[in-house]
């Protein structure tokens, strides 16, 4: 029980963070196909971890996980600030999504080659980085996720009015002195740091940032406004990921536990194919007006 409580809470918080980052990035780009995965944040996180892991391995450092996280946060904070300026000026989001997906394919090829070389030289390689899991969750990881989620909620509360104006569209929001640059900074800082944190601790859960917001928006909370999707939807999707992880833990196959990230990638990829095949038009995330 001492092991299961941190594990399931880490799964819950990771699901909530993935759902919230997906909602933010879809709102910021006003495109239903945008997510940390489709814009390349997942691939960039994996590539950074591979590079730093190799450096730490060659230097013989004893606490690589801690160093990976501490060095990665400021790097991905800069990545988030860069994207906040770049996306704010970009008009062709579909092209950025295509570039992000292509970059992820490149990282996949690099990952495979890197793995081959490490195994050829009999060096340890983070094989499970590509498909996330919570088997090694602990109190330290849980504490990091709690702090991150509190910061996300604090930022959302601080900018709740700005997000409401932002969701109405640029033309209407311009009449109310919207602090658009501040919104973009918080949005992409949250996406970059949140994605990196989850991947550095547990591995990649590809396309969850794409699927979770759609579930929150289309299935359970259709009548809620943007805050409902972000807060209640994030809570519900956290419970969903925790339930999937519980099933993986309690129902192993011949003693082997299926990585949650493997299931997430399969479901997310099928969802992306469905969205593309259905010819979805870019969908704005618009706040509901209260009656």
Protein backbone atom coordinates (compact mmCIF):
# COMPACT_ATOMS: atom_id res chain seq x y z
CA UNK A 1 0.00 0.00 0.00
CA UNK A 2 2.91 2.35 0.70
CA UNK A 3 3.94 1.85 -2.92
CA UNK A 4 0.50 1.97 -4.53
CA UNK A 5 -0.61 5.30 -3.05
CA UNK A 6 2.28 7.36 -4.54
CA UNK A 7 1.98 5.42 -7.81
CA UNK A 8 -1.74 5.99 -8.31
CA UNK A 9 -1.51 9.62 -7.19
CA UNK A 10 1.33 10.18 -9.68
CA UNK A 11 -0.85 8.67 -12.40
CA UNK A 12 -3.76 10.91 -11.40
CA UNK A 13 -1.68 14.10 -11.37
CA UNK A 14 0.06 13.21 -14.63
CA UNK A 15 -3.33 12.69 -16.29
CA UNK A 16 -4.59 16.01 -14.96
CA UNK A 17 -1.46 17.87 -16.14
CA UNK A 18 -1.58 16.25 -19.60
CA UNK A 19 -5.26 17.17 -19.91
CA UNK A 20 -4.66 20.76 -18.81
CA UNK A 21 -1.65 21.31 -21.07
CA UNK A 22 -3.66 19.91 -23.98
CA UNK A 23 -6.57 22.25 -23.25
CA UNK A 24 -4.22 25.23 -23.03
CA UNK A 25 -2.40 24.51 -26.27
CA UNK A 26 -5.62 23.87 -28.19
CA UNK A 27 -7.04 27.11 -26.87
CA UNK A 28 -3.84 29.03 -27.64
CA UNK A 29 -3.65 27.77 -31.22
CA UNK A 30 -7.45 27.52 -31.61
CA UNK A 31 -6.96 24.15 -33.28
CA UNK A 32 -8.36 20.81 -32.14
CA UNK A 33 -5.37 18.93 -33.59
CA UNK A 34 -2.79 20.86 -31.55
CA UNK A 35 -1.22 19.10 -28.57
CA UNK A 36 2.20 18.71 -26.93
CA UNK A 37 2.71 15.63 -29.13
CA UNK A 38 1.64 17.09 -32.48
CA UNK A 39 3.65 20.29 -31.95
CA UNK A 40 6.84 18.38 -31.09
CA UNK A 41 7.11 18.97 -27.32
CA UNK A 42 7.15 15.23 -26.63
CA UNK A 43 9.92 14.59 -29.14
CA UNK A 44 11.96 17.55 -27.91
CA UNK A 45 11.69 16.31 -24.30
CA UNK A 46 12.82 12.80 -25.26
CA UNK A 47 15.73 14.14 -27.32
CA UNK A 48 16.90 16.40 -24.48
CA UNK A 49 16.73 13.53 -21.97
CA UNK A 50 18.71 11.26 -24.30
CA UNK A 51 21.45 13.86 -24.75
CA UNK A 52 21.76 14.66 -21.05
CA UNK A 53 21.50 10.98 -20.08
CA UNK A 54 24.45 10.21 -22.36
CA UNK A 55 26.50 13.07 -20.91
CA UNK A 56 25.79 12.02 -17.32
CA UNK A 57 26.56 8.41 -18.14
CA UNK A 58 29.95 9.28 -19.65
CA UNK A 59 30.82 11.54 -16.68
CA UNK A 60 29.74 8.89 -14.15
CA UNK A 61 27.29 11.07 -12.23
CA UNK A 62 25.36 9.11 -9.58
CA UNK A 63 21.99 10.91 -9.55
CA UNK A 64 20.97 11.33 -13.19
CA UNK A 65 17.21 11.63 -12.58
CA UNK A 66 17.60 14.63 -10.29
CA UNK A 67 20.04 16.34 -12.64
CA UNK A 68 17.84 15.62 -15.66
CA UNK A 69 14.93 17.38 -14.01
CA UNK A 70 16.86 20.32 -12.56
CA UNK A 71 18.69 21.06 -15.81
CA UNK A 72 15.63 20.47 -17.94
CA UNK A 73 13.23 22.89 -16.25
CA UNK A 74 15.11 26.12 -17.16
CA UNK A 75 15.80 24.79 -20.67
CA UNK A 76 12.13 24.07 -21.31
CA UNK A 77 11.13 27.35 -19.72
CA UNK A 78 13.15 29.01 -22.50
CA UNK A 79 11.48 26.70 -25.04
CA UNK A 80 8.08 27.79 -23.74
CA UNK A 81 9.00 31.48 -24.02
CA UNK A 82 10.24 30.93 -27.58
CA UNK A 83 7.01 29.21 -28.58
CA UNK A 84 4.93 31.94 -26.94
CA UNK A 85 6.43 34.46 -29.34
CA UNK A 86 6.55 32.16 -32.35
CA UNK A 87 2.99 30.83 -32.12
CA UNK A 88 1.59 34.27 -31.37
CA UNK A 89 2.94 35.52 -34.71
CA UNK A 90 2.20 32.40 -36.75
CA UNK A 91 -0.84 32.13 -39.00
CA UNK A 92 -0.42 28.59 -40.34
CA UNK A 93 -0.94 26.28 -37.35
CA UNK A 94 -1.57 23.26 -39.58
CA UNK A 95 1.94 23.59 -41.00
CA UNK A 96 3.42 23.74 -37.50
CA UNK A 97 1.51 20.59 -36.58
CA UNK A 98 2.92 18.83 -39.64
CA UNK A 99 6.43 19.97 -38.68
CA UNK A 100 5.88 18.78 -35.11
CA UNK A 101 4.74 15.33 -36.23
CA UNK A 102 7.70 15.08 -38.62
CA UNK A 103 10.09 16.08 -35.82
CA UNK A 104 8.63 13.33 -33.61
CA UNK A 105 9.30 10.79 -36.39
CA UNK A 106 12.89 12.04 -36.58
CA UNK A 107 13.30 11.66 -32.82
CA UNK A 108 11.89 8.13 -33.08
CA UNK A 109 14.56 7.22 -35.63
CA UNK A 110 17.29 8.83 -33.51
CA UNK A 111 15.98 6.99 -30.43
CA UNK A 112 16.22 3.62 -32.21
CA UNK A 113 19.74 4.34 -33.50
CA UNK A 114 20.84 5.59 -30.07
CA UNK A 115 19.46 2.46 -28.45
CA UNK A 116 21.29 0.21 -30.93
CA UNK A 117 24.62 1.93 -30.29
CA UNK A 118 24.24 1.82 -26.51
CA UNK A 119 23.31 -1.87 -26.51
CA UNK A 120 26.18 -2.62 -28.93
CA UNK A 121 28.64 -1.10 -26.43
CA UNK A 122 26.84 -2.74 -23.47
CA UNK A 123 25.81 0.58 -21.94
CA UNK A 124 22.57 1.21 -19.98
CA UNK A 125 19.86 2.84 -22.07
CA UNK A 126 16.47 4.28 -20.94
CA UNK A 127 14.42 1.91 -23.13
CA UNK A 128 11.16 2.64 -21.27
CA UNK A 129 11.42 6.37 -21.98
CA UNK A 130 9.43 6.00 -25.23
CA UNK A 131 6.35 4.47 -23.52
CA UNK A 132 5.50 5.94 -20.13
CA UNK A 133 4.79 3.93 -17.00
CA UNK A 134 4.41 4.52 -13.27
CA UNK A 135 6.24 1.47 -11.95
CA UNK A 136 9.02 3.56 -10.41
CA UNK A 137 6.82 6.30 -8.95
CA UNK A 138 7.89 7.52 -5.51
CA UNK A 139 7.28 10.26 -2.97
CA UNK A 140 9.85 12.56 -4.60
CA UNK A 141 8.11 12.36 -7.98
CA UNK A 142 4.73 12.87 -6.31
CA UNK A 143 6.01 16.01 -4.57
CA UNK A 144 7.25 17.45 -7.88
CA UNK A 145 3.88 16.83 -9.54
CA UNK A 146 1.98 18.38 -6.62
CA UNK A 147 4.09 21.55 -6.76
CA UNK A 148 3.69 21.74 -10.54
CA UNK A 149 -0.08 21.29 -10.40
CA UNK A 150 -0.41 23.94 -7.69
CA UNK A 151 1.57 26.39 -9.82
CA UNK A 152 -0.63 25.63 -12.84
CA UNK A 153 -3.80 26.19 -10.81
CA UNK A 154 -2.38 29.39 -9.32
CA UNK A 155 -1.54 30.71 -12.78
CA UNK A 156 -4.98 29.78 -14.08
CA UNK A 157 -6.65 31.57 -11.16
CA UNK A 158 -4.46 34.64 -11.68
CA UNK A 159 -5.24 34.82 -15.42
CA UNK A 160 -8.80 33.46 -15.42
CA UNK A 161 -10.30 36.72 -16.74
CA UNK A 162 -7.60 36.99 -19.40
CA UNK A 163 -8.32 33.46 -20.57
CA UNK A 164 -12.03 34.23 -20.75
CA UNK A 165 -11.34 37.24 -22.97
CA UNK A 166 -8.80 35.30 -25.02
CA UNK A 167 -11.32 32.55 -25.72
CA UNK A 168 -13.76 35.07 -27.19
CA UNK A 169 -11.40 35.81 -30.10
CA UNK A 170 -8.90 38.56 -30.86
CA UNK A 171 -11.41 41.00 -32.30
CA UNK A 172 -13.62 41.08 -29.21
CA UNK A 173 -10.76 40.75 -26.74
CA UNK A 174 -8.94 43.75 -28.21
CA UNK A 175 -11.71 46.01 -26.92
CA UNK A 176 -11.06 44.85 -23.33
CA UNK A 177 -7.28 45.40 -23.18
CA UNK A 178 -6.37 41.72 -23.24
CA UNK A 179 -2.82 40.98 -22.04
CA UNK A 180 -2.27 38.52 -24.90
CA UNK A 181 1.50 38.23 -24.47
CA UNK A 182 1.08 37.29 -20.80
CA UNK A 183 -1.50 34.64 -21.71
CA UNK A 184 0.80 33.12 -24.34
CA UNK A 185 3.74 33.09 -21.92
CA UNK A 186 1.82 31.26 -19.20
CA UNK A 187 0.24 28.93 -21.74
CA UNK A 188 3.44 27.72 -23.40
CA UNK A 189 5.53 27.78 -20.22
CA UNK A 190 2.94 25.43 -18.70
CA UNK A 191 2.89 23.20 -21.78
CA UNK A 192 6.70 23.00 -22.11
CA UNK A 193 7.51 22.48 -18.41
CA UNK A 194 4.49 20.23 -17.79
CA UNK A 195 5.30 17.96 -20.74
CA UNK A 196 8.98 17.75 -19.86
CA UNK A 197 8.26 17.03 -16.19
CA UNK A 198 5.92 14.11 -16.89
CA UNK A 199 8.26 12.61 -19.52
CA UNK A 200 11.40 13.04 -17.41
CA UNK A 201 9.74 11.29 -14.46
CA UNK A 202 7.71 8.57 -16.15
CA UNK A 203 8.30 8.57 -19.91
CA UNK A 204 6.16 9.64 -22.84
CA UNK A 205 2.35 9.38 -22.99
CA UNK A 206 1.93 10.40 -26.60
CA UNK A 207 -1.30 12.02 -27.78
CA UNK A 208 -2.89 12.17 -24.32
CA UNK A 209 -2.71 15.95 -24.57
CA UNK A 210 -4.74 15.59 -27.76
CA UNK A 211 -7.33 13.06 -26.58
CA UNK A 212 -8.01 14.23 -23.01
CA UNK A 213 -9.25 17.77 -23.90
CA UNK A 214 -11.55 16.31 -26.55
CA UNK A 215 -13.00 13.88 -24.03
CA UNK A 216 -13.55 16.69 -21.54
CA UNK A 217 -15.07 18.96 -24.18
CA UNK A 218 -17.22 16.51 -26.10
CA UNK A 219 -18.31 13.81 -23.71
CA UNK A 220 -18.61 14.69 -20.06
CA UNK A 221 -18.52 18.48 -19.83
CA UNK A 222 -20.14 19.78 -22.97
CA UNK A 223 -22.21 22.31 -21.02
CA UNK A 224 -19.32 23.63 -18.98
CA UNK A 225 -17.28 26.65 -19.97
CA UNK A 226 -13.52 26.76 -20.46
CA UNK A 227 -12.87 26.60 -16.72
CA UNK A 228 -14.96 23.44 -16.53
CA UNK A 229 -12.91 21.80 -19.25
CA UNK A 230 -9.64 22.86 -17.63
CA UNK A 231 -10.46 22.11 -13.98
CA UNK A 232 -13.17 19.45 -13.88
CA UNK A 233 -12.03 17.87 -17.13
CA UNK A 234 -8.46 17.70 -15.84
CA UNK A 235 -9.67 16.04 -12.63
CA UNK A 236 -11.77 13.47 -14.54
CA UNK A 237 -8.98 12.66 -17.00
CA UNK A 238 -6.57 12.24 -14.10
CA UNK A 239 -8.92 9.64 -12.66
CA UNK A 240 -9.13 7.99 -16.08
CA UNK A 241 -5.34 7.62 -16.40
CA UNK A 242 -5.18 6.35 -12.82
CA UNK A 243 -7.85 3.74 -13.64
CA UNK A 244 -5.90 2.59 -16.73
CA UNK A 245 -2.69 2.35 -14.68
CA UNK A 246 -4.56 0.37 -12.01
CA UNK A 247 -5.73 -2.09 -14.66
CA UNK A 248 -2.16 -2.46 -15.93
CA UNK A 249 -0.97 -3.13 -12.37
CA UNK A 250 -3.68 -5.59 -11.30
CA UNK A 251 -3.98 -7.46 -14.61
CA UNK A 252 -0.48 -8.27 -15.91
CA UNK A 253 -0.03 -10.57 -18.92
CA UNK A 254 2.07 -13.60 -17.96
CA UNK A 255 3.59 -11.55 -15.16
CA UNK A 256 4.54 -8.63 -17.43
CA UNK A 257 2.92 -5.24 -16.94
CA UNK A 258 1.80 -3.35 -20.05
CA UNK A 259 3.19 0.24 -20.06
CA UNK A 260 0.40 2.79 -19.80
CA UNK A 261 2.17 4.90 -22.41
CA UNK A 262 1.85 2.06 -24.94
CA UNK A 263 -1.94 2.06 -24.53
CA UNK A 264 -2.02 5.86 -24.61
CA UNK A 265 -0.02 6.01 -27.84
CA UNK A 266 -2.23 3.44 -29.58
CA UNK A 267 -5.48 5.13 -28.55
CA UNK A 268 -4.12 8.60 -29.28
CA UNK A 269 -2.82 7.64 -32.73
CA UNK A 270 -6.19 6.12 -33.65
CA UNK A 271 -7.93 9.27 -32.43
CA UNK A 272 -5.63 11.45 -34.55
CA UNK A 273 -6.35 9.30 -37.62
CA UNK A 274 -10.08 9.61 -36.96
CA UNK A 275 -9.86 13.39 -36.62
CA UNK A 276 -7.85 13.74 -39.82
CA UNK A 277 -10.06 11.31 -41.74
CA UNK A 278 -13.18 13.14 -40.60
CA UNK A 279 -11.78 16.37 -42.08
CA UNK A 280 -12.13 18.34 -38.88
CA UNK A 281 -11.90 22.05 -39.42
CA UNK A 282 -9.84 24.13 -36.95
CA UNK A 283 -12.09 24.49 -33.93
CA UNK A 284 -11.87 27.47 -31.63
CA UNK A 285 -12.09 26.89 -27.90
CA UNK A 286 -14.74 29.45 -27.04
CA UNK A 287 -16.01 30.14 -23.57
CA UNK A 288 -19.73 29.64 -22.97
CA UNK A 289 -21.66 32.76 -22.09
CA UNK A 290 -23.57 32.55 -18.84
CA UNK A 291 -27.32 32.96 -19.01
